[in-house]
C-alpha atoms as a PDB file:
ATOM      1  CA  MET A   1      69.916 112.269 305.066  1.00  0.00           C
ATOM      2  CA  LEU A   2      70.853 109.530 307.400  1.00  0.00           C
ATOM      3  CA  GLN A   3      71.306 109.598 311.240  1.00  0.00           C
ATOM      4  CA  VAL A   4      72.142 107.306 313.944  1.00  0.00           C
ATOM      5  CA  GLN A   5      69.359 106.944 316.301  1.00  0.00           C
ATOM      6  CA  ILE A   6      70.234 105.774 320.038  1.00  0.00           C
ATOM      7  CA  THR A   7      67.476 104.599 322.284  1.00  0.00           C
ATOM      8  CA  GLU A   8      68.300 103.656 325.905  1.00  0.00           C
ATOM      9  CA  HIS A   9      65.882 101.402 327.644  1.00  0.00           C
ATOM     10  CA  THR A  10      66.273 102.580 331.492  1.00  0.00           C
ATOM     11  CA  THR A  11      65.540 100.564 334.464  1.00  0.00           C
ATOM     12  CA  ASP A  12      62.558 102.377 335.302  1.00  0.00           C
ATOM     13  CA  GLY A  13      60.777 101.472 331.679  1.00  0.00           C
ATOM     14  CA  ARG A  14      61.334 104.624 330.067  1.00  0.00           C
ATOM     15  CA  GLU A  15      62.972 105.061 326.626  1.00  0.00           C
ATOM     16  CA  VAL A  16      65.277 108.002 326.120  1.00  0.00           C
ATOM     17  CA  THR A  17      66.205 108.495 322.639  1.00  0.00           C
ATOM     18  CA  ARG A  18      69.252 110.515 321.288  1.00  0.00           C
ATOM     19  CA  TYR A  19      70.539 111.402 317.722  1.00  0.00           C
ATOM     20  CA  SER A  20      74.075 111.417 316.465  1.00  0.00           C
ATOM     21  CA  ASP A  21      75.328 115.086 315.905  1.00  0.00           C
ATOM     22  CA  ARG A  22      76.511 114.140 312.312  1.00  0.00           C
ATOM     23  CA  LYS A  23      74.341 113.518 309.492  1.00  0.00           C
ATOM     24  CA  TYR A  24      75.245 111.311 306.443  1.00  0.00           C
ATOM     25  CA  ARG A  25      74.498 111.228 302.722  1.00  0.00           C
ATOM     26  CA  THR A  26      75.255 107.534 302.180  1.00  0.00           C
ATOM     27  CA  MET A  27      75.045 104.289 304.011  1.00  0.00           C
ATOM     28  CA  ARG A  28      78.955 103.928 303.656  1.00  0.00           C
ATOM     29  CA  GLY A  29      79.295 107.195 305.527  1.00  0.00           C
ATOM     30  CA  VAL A  30      77.087 106.082 308.376  1.00  0.00           C
ATOM     31  CA  GLY A  31      78.382 102.657 308.455  1.00  0.00           C
ATOM     32  CA  LYS A  32      81.745 103.564 309.710  1.00  0.00           C
ATOM     33  CA  ASP A  33      80.594 105.650 312.661  1.00  0.00           C
ATOM     34  CA  LEU A  34      77.959 102.938 313.691  1.00  0.00           C
ATOM     35  CA  GLU A  35      80.730 100.599 314.185  1.00  0.00           C
ATOM     36  CA  GLN A  36      82.340 103.296 316.584  1.00  0.00           C
ATOM     37  CA  PHE A  37      78.801 103.618 318.300  1.00  0.00           C
ATOM     38  CA  GLN A  38      78.318  99.978 318.560  1.00  0.00           C
ATOM     39  CA  ARG A  39      81.745 100.005 320.647  1.00  0.00           C
ATOM     40  CA  VAL A  40      80.312 102.789 322.873  1.00  0.00           C
ATOM     41  CA  TYR A  41      76.937 101.436 323.264  1.00  0.00           C
ATOM     42  CA  HIS A  42      77.625  97.840 323.421  1.00  0.00           C
ATOM     43  CA  GLU A  43      75.218  97.326 326.383  1.00  0.00           C
ATOM     44  CA  PRO A  44      71.684  95.339 325.865  1.00  0.00           C
ATOM     45  CA  ARG A  45      70.115  98.301 327.199  1.00  0.00           C
ATOM     46  CA  TYR A  46      70.935 100.585 324.189  1.00  0.00           C
ATOM     47  CA  THR A  47      69.329 100.228 320.574  1.00  0.00           C
ATOM     48  CA  LEU A  48      70.988 101.650 317.588  1.00  0.00           C
ATOM     49  CA  THR A  49      68.944 102.500 314.493  1.00  0.00           C
ATOM     50  CA  ILE A  50      69.750 104.312 311.191  1.00  0.00           C
ATOM     51  CA  ILE A  51      67.280 106.553 310.263  1.00  0.00           C
ATOM     52  CA  GLY A  52      66.339 108.581 307.328  1.00  0.00           C
ATOM     53  CA  GLU A  53      67.099 108.123 303.399  1.00  0.00           C
ATOM     54  CA  PRO A  54      70.286 107.932 301.668  1.00  0.00           C
ATOM     55  CA  GLU A  55      70.881 110.638 298.979  1.00  0.00           C
ATOM     56  CA  GLN A  56      71.812 109.712 295.592  1.00  0.00           C
ATOM     57  CA  ARG A  57      75.362 110.276 294.783  1.00  0.00           C
ATOM     58  CA  ARG A  58      76.091 113.591 292.795  1.00  0.00           C
ATOM     59  CA  PRO A  59      77.682 112.933 289.635  1.00  0.00           C
ATOM     60  CA  ARG A  60      81.221 114.585 289.170  1.00  0.00           C
ATOM     61  CA  ASP A  61      80.882 117.259 286.674  1.00  0.00           C
ATOM     62  CA  ASN A  62      83.967 117.183 284.364  1.00  0.00           C
ATOM     63  CA  SER A  63      82.279 118.767 281.557  1.00  0.00           C
ATOM     64  CA  ALA A  64      84.795 121.678 281.606  1.00  0.00           C
ATOM     65  CA  ALA A  65      87.813 119.222 280.963  1.00  0.00           C
ATOM     66  CA  ILE A  66      85.873 117.538 278.049  1.00  0.00           C
ATOM     67  CA  GLY A  67      87.599 118.820 274.744  1.00  0.00           C
ATOM     68  CA  GLN A  68      90.254 120.906 276.333  1.00  0.00           C
ATOM     69  CA  VAL A  69      93.211 118.301 275.849  1.00  0.00           C
ATOM     70  CA  HIS A  70      94.881 117.377 272.814  1.00  0.00           C
ATOM     71  CA  VAL A  71      97.687 115.015 271.693  1.00  0.00           C
ATOM     72  CA  GLY A  72     100.899 116.464 272.674  1.00  0.00           C
ATOM     73  CA  ASP A  73      99.694 118.344 275.832  1.00  0.00           C
ATOM     74  CA  ILE A  74     101.641 117.715 278.947  1.00  0.00           C
ATOM     75  CA  PHE A  75     100.610 117.225 282.439  1.00  0.00           C
ATOM     76  CA  HIS A  76     102.754 117.872 285.523  1.00  0.00           C
ATOM     77  CA  CYS A  77     102.895 116.178 288.629  1.00  0.00           C
ATOM     78  CA  MET A  78     104.947 117.225 291.769  1.00  0.00           C
ATOM     79  CA  TRP A  79     104.991 114.856 294.742  1.00  0.00           C
ATOM     80  CA  GLY A  80     106.696 113.981 298.004  1.00  0.00           C
ATOM     81  CA  TYR A  81     106.931 115.348 301.473  1.00  0.00           C
ATOM     82  CA  ASP A  82     110.685 115.867 302.711  1.00  0.00           C
ATOM     83  CA  MET A  83     111.751 115.069 299.270  1.00  0.00           C
ATOM     84  CA  THR A  84     110.324 116.723 296.028  1.00  0.00           C
ATOM     85  CA  PHE A  85     109.806 114.778 292.848  1.00  0.00           C
ATOM     86  CA  ASN A  86     108.489 115.923 289.354  1.00  0.00           C
ATOM     87  CA  ASP A  87     106.795 113.839 286.771  1.00  0.00           C
ATOM     88  CA  PHE A  88     105.688 114.819 283.489  1.00  0.00           C
ATOM     89  CA  TYR A  89     103.166 113.039 281.286  1.00  0.00           C
ATOM     90  CA  GLU A  90     102.520 113.518 277.547  1.00  0.00           C
ATOM     91  CA  VAL A  91      99.059 112.872 275.962  1.00  0.00           C
ATOM     92  CA  VAL A  92      99.615 110.219 273.225  1.00  0.00           C
ATOM     93  CA  ALA A  93      95.858 109.648 272.578  1.00  0.00           C
ATOM     94  CA  VAL A  94      92.282 111.330 273.461  1.00  0.00           C
ATOM     95  CA  SER A  95      89.297 109.085 273.457  1.00  0.00           C
ATOM     96  CA  ALA A  96      86.406 109.913 270.869  1.00  0.00           C
ATOM     97  CA  THR A  97      84.309 111.425 273.532  1.00  0.00           C
ATOM     98  CA  GLY A  98      87.175 113.562 275.012  1.00  0.00           C
ATOM     99  CA  LYS A  99      86.586 112.169 278.646  1.00  0.00           C
ATOM    100  CA  THR A 100      89.638 110.112 278.833  1.00  0.00           C
ATOM    101  CA  VAL A 101      93.235 110.360 277.499  1.00  0.00           C
ATOM    102  CA  THR A 102      96.150 108.202 277.213  1.00  0.00           C
ATOM    103  CA  THR A 103      99.408 109.411 278.583  1.00  0.00           C
ATOM    104  CA  ARG A 104     103.060 108.239 278.767  1.00  0.00           C
ATOM    105  CA  ARG A 105     105.500 109.173 281.308  1.00  0.00           C
ATOM    106  CA  ILE A 106     108.314 111.424 279.736  1.00  0.00           C
ATOM    107  CA  ALA A 107     112.117 111.882 280.849  1.00  0.00           C
ATOM    108  CA  VAL A 108     113.197 115.042 282.442  1.00  0.00           C
ATOM    109  CA  ARG A 109     116.494 117.023 281.842  1.00  0.00           C
ATOM    110  CA  MET A 110     118.134 117.766 285.173  1.00  0.00           C
ATOM    111  CA  ASP A 111     120.349 120.496 285.901  1.00  0.00           C
ATOM    112  CA  GLY A 112     122.354 120.155 289.213  1.00  0.00           C
ATOM    113  CA  ASP A 113     122.411 117.524 291.730  1.00  0.00           C
ATOM    114  CA  PRO A 114     118.942 116.593 293.436  1.00  0.00           C
ATOM    115  CA  CYS A 115     120.941 115.201 296.362  1.00  0.00           C
ATOM    116  CA  SER A 116     122.755 118.350 297.153  1.00  0.00           C
ATOM    117  CA  PRO A 117     121.321 121.169 299.733  1.00  0.00           C
ATOM    118  CA  ALA A 118     121.028 123.326 296.402  1.00  0.00           C
ATOM    119  CA  ARG A 119     118.790 121.023 294.663  1.00  0.00           C
ATOM    120  CA  ALA A 120     118.403 120.437 290.975  1.00  0.00           C
ATOM    121  CA  ARG A 121     116.292 121.985 288.339  1.00  0.00           C
ATOM    122  CA  VAL A 122     114.438 119.764 285.948  1.00  0.00           C
ATOM    123  CA  ARG A 123     112.075 120.382 282.831  1.00  0.00           C
ATOM    124  CA  PRO A 124     110.395 117.851 280.545  1.00  0.00           C
ATOM    125  CA  VAL A 125     112.479 116.427 277.560  1.00  0.00           C
ATOM    126  CA  LEU A 126     110.069 117.622 274.487  1.00  0.00           C
ATOM    127  CA  THR A 127     111.912 115.877 271.651  1.00  0.00           C
ATOM    128  CA  GLY A 128     113.451 112.482 270.589  1.00  0.00           C
ATOM    129  CA  ASP A 129     113.258 109.124 272.584  1.00  0.00           C
ATOM    130  CA  ARG A 130     111.697 110.695 275.623  1.00  0.00           C
ATOM    131  CA  PHE A 131     109.037 108.140 276.724  1.00  0.00           C
ATOM    132  CA  ILE A 132     109.316 106.054 279.934  1.00  0.00           C
ATOM    133  CA  GLY A 133     107.007 103.197 280.648  1.00  0.00           C
ATOM    134  CA  GLU A 134     103.664 101.779 279.193  1.00  0.00           C
ATOM    135  CA  PRO A 135     100.994 103.925 278.209  1.00  0.00           C
ATOM    136  CA  GLU A 136      98.155 104.535 280.729  1.00  0.00           C
ATOM    137  CA  ARG A 137      94.424 105.607 280.494  1.00  0.00           C
ATOM    138  CA  HIS A 138      93.136 108.341 282.669  1.00  0.00           C
ATOM    139  CA  LEU A 139      89.856 110.075 283.303  1.00  0.00           C
ATOM    140  CA  LEU A 140      89.866 113.980 282.737  1.00  0.00           C
ATOM    141  CA  GLN A 141      88.870 115.654 286.074  1.00  0.00           C
ATOM    142  CA  ALA A 142      88.217 119.257 286.387  1.00  0.00           C
ATOM    143  CA  TYR A 143      88.363 121.392 289.662  1.00  0.00           C
ATOM    144  CA  ASN A 144      87.978 125.315 289.630  1.00  0.00           C
ATOM    145  CA  ASN A 145      89.964 126.386 286.633  1.00  0.00           C
ATOM    146  CA  SER A 146      92.284 123.333 286.436  1.00  0.00           C
ATOM    147  CA  ILE A 147      92.188 120.182 284.555  1.00  0.00           C
ATOM    148  CA  TYR A 148      93.851 117.287 285.847  1.00  0.00           C
ATOM    149  CA  ILE A 149      94.354 113.357 285.823  1.00  0.00           C
ATOM    150  CA  HIS A 150      94.497 111.211 288.833  1.00  0.00           C
ATOM    151  CA  ILE A 151      97.893 109.236 288.699  1.00  0.00           C
ATOM    152  CA  ASN A 152      97.789 107.161 291.938  1.00  0.00           C
ATOM    153  CA  SER A 153      96.499 107.490 295.516  1.00  0.00           C
ATOM    154  CA  PHE A 154      98.818 110.294 296.638  1.00  0.00           C
ATOM    155  CA  SER A 155      99.121 112.479 293.290  1.00  0.00           C
ATOM    156  CA  ASP A 156      97.469 114.302 290.550  1.00  0.00           C
ATOM    157  CA  ALA A 157      99.264 115.753 287.391  1.00  0.00           C
ATOM    158  CA  PHE A 158      97.733 119.112 286.060  1.00  0.00           C
ATOM    159  CA  LEU A 159      97.581 120.179 282.495  1.00  0.00           C
ATOM    160  CA  MET A 160     100.571 122.513 281.836  1.00  0.00           C
ATOM    161  CA  GLU A 161     100.384 125.797 279.472  1.00  0.00           C
ATOM    162  CA  PRO A 162     102.571 125.582 276.482  1.00  0.00           C
ATOM    163  CA  GLU A 163     104.705 128.445 277.916  1.00  0.00           C
ATOM    164  CA  ASP A 164     105.526 126.299 281.114  1.00  0.00           C
ATOM    165  CA  TYR A 165     107.065 123.431 279.098  1.00  0.00           C
ATOM    166  CA  VAL A 166     110.592 125.227 279.063  1.00  0.00           C
ATOM    167  CA  ARG A 167     110.309 126.379 282.758  1.00  0.00           C
ATOM    168  CA  THR A 168     112.461 124.665 285.279  1.00  0.00           C
ATOM    169  CA  TYR A 169     110.898 122.974 288.556  1.00  0.00           C
ATOM    170  CA  ASP A 170     112.739 122.308 291.968  1.00  0.00           C
ATOM    171  CA  GLU A 171     113.651 118.541 292.524  1.00  0.00           C
ATOM    172  CA  ASN A 172     115.294 117.533 295.879  1.00  0.00           C
ATOM    173  CA  HIS A 173     116.137 113.972 296.799  1.00  0.00           C
ATOM    174  CA  LEU A 174     117.450 114.862 300.476  1.00  0.00           C
ATOM    175  CA  ASP A 175     115.436 113.253 302.971  1.00  0.00           C
END
């Protein structure tokens, strides 16, 4: 564990040593707070030192997701803050190791008006010409009992059960 040591060299020749309240696993973590400490303790009488040893990053255990996803499975991503959007992704290929999947976004069938206060209900289109956009590769991830893929910086898509393919989901485009 890493920690920031703050040494103050007093005018009477003593050294007073304090330590940051927080401990860090990596240099990246301690580096962010070190910059803040440097702004606070910027006078020459202070010496800032990083003490301790960084820990190895723990590998993410996604073994629960390997082999659980097959071609034709669908992932659901619901996102938005004031507005609610639903995206569905169909698995079109699974890697030989089973750790990554290639998905394509699929169209939705919408019942109602998403711009009305009553909202709309959407469900994925399962047949015909349903694909939107280009194929994308995603690393399968597992958390608790859920399998998901990371879509972008603000959303993840979770593996759906086959009985949920016909279920409808709220969609709201009102801001």
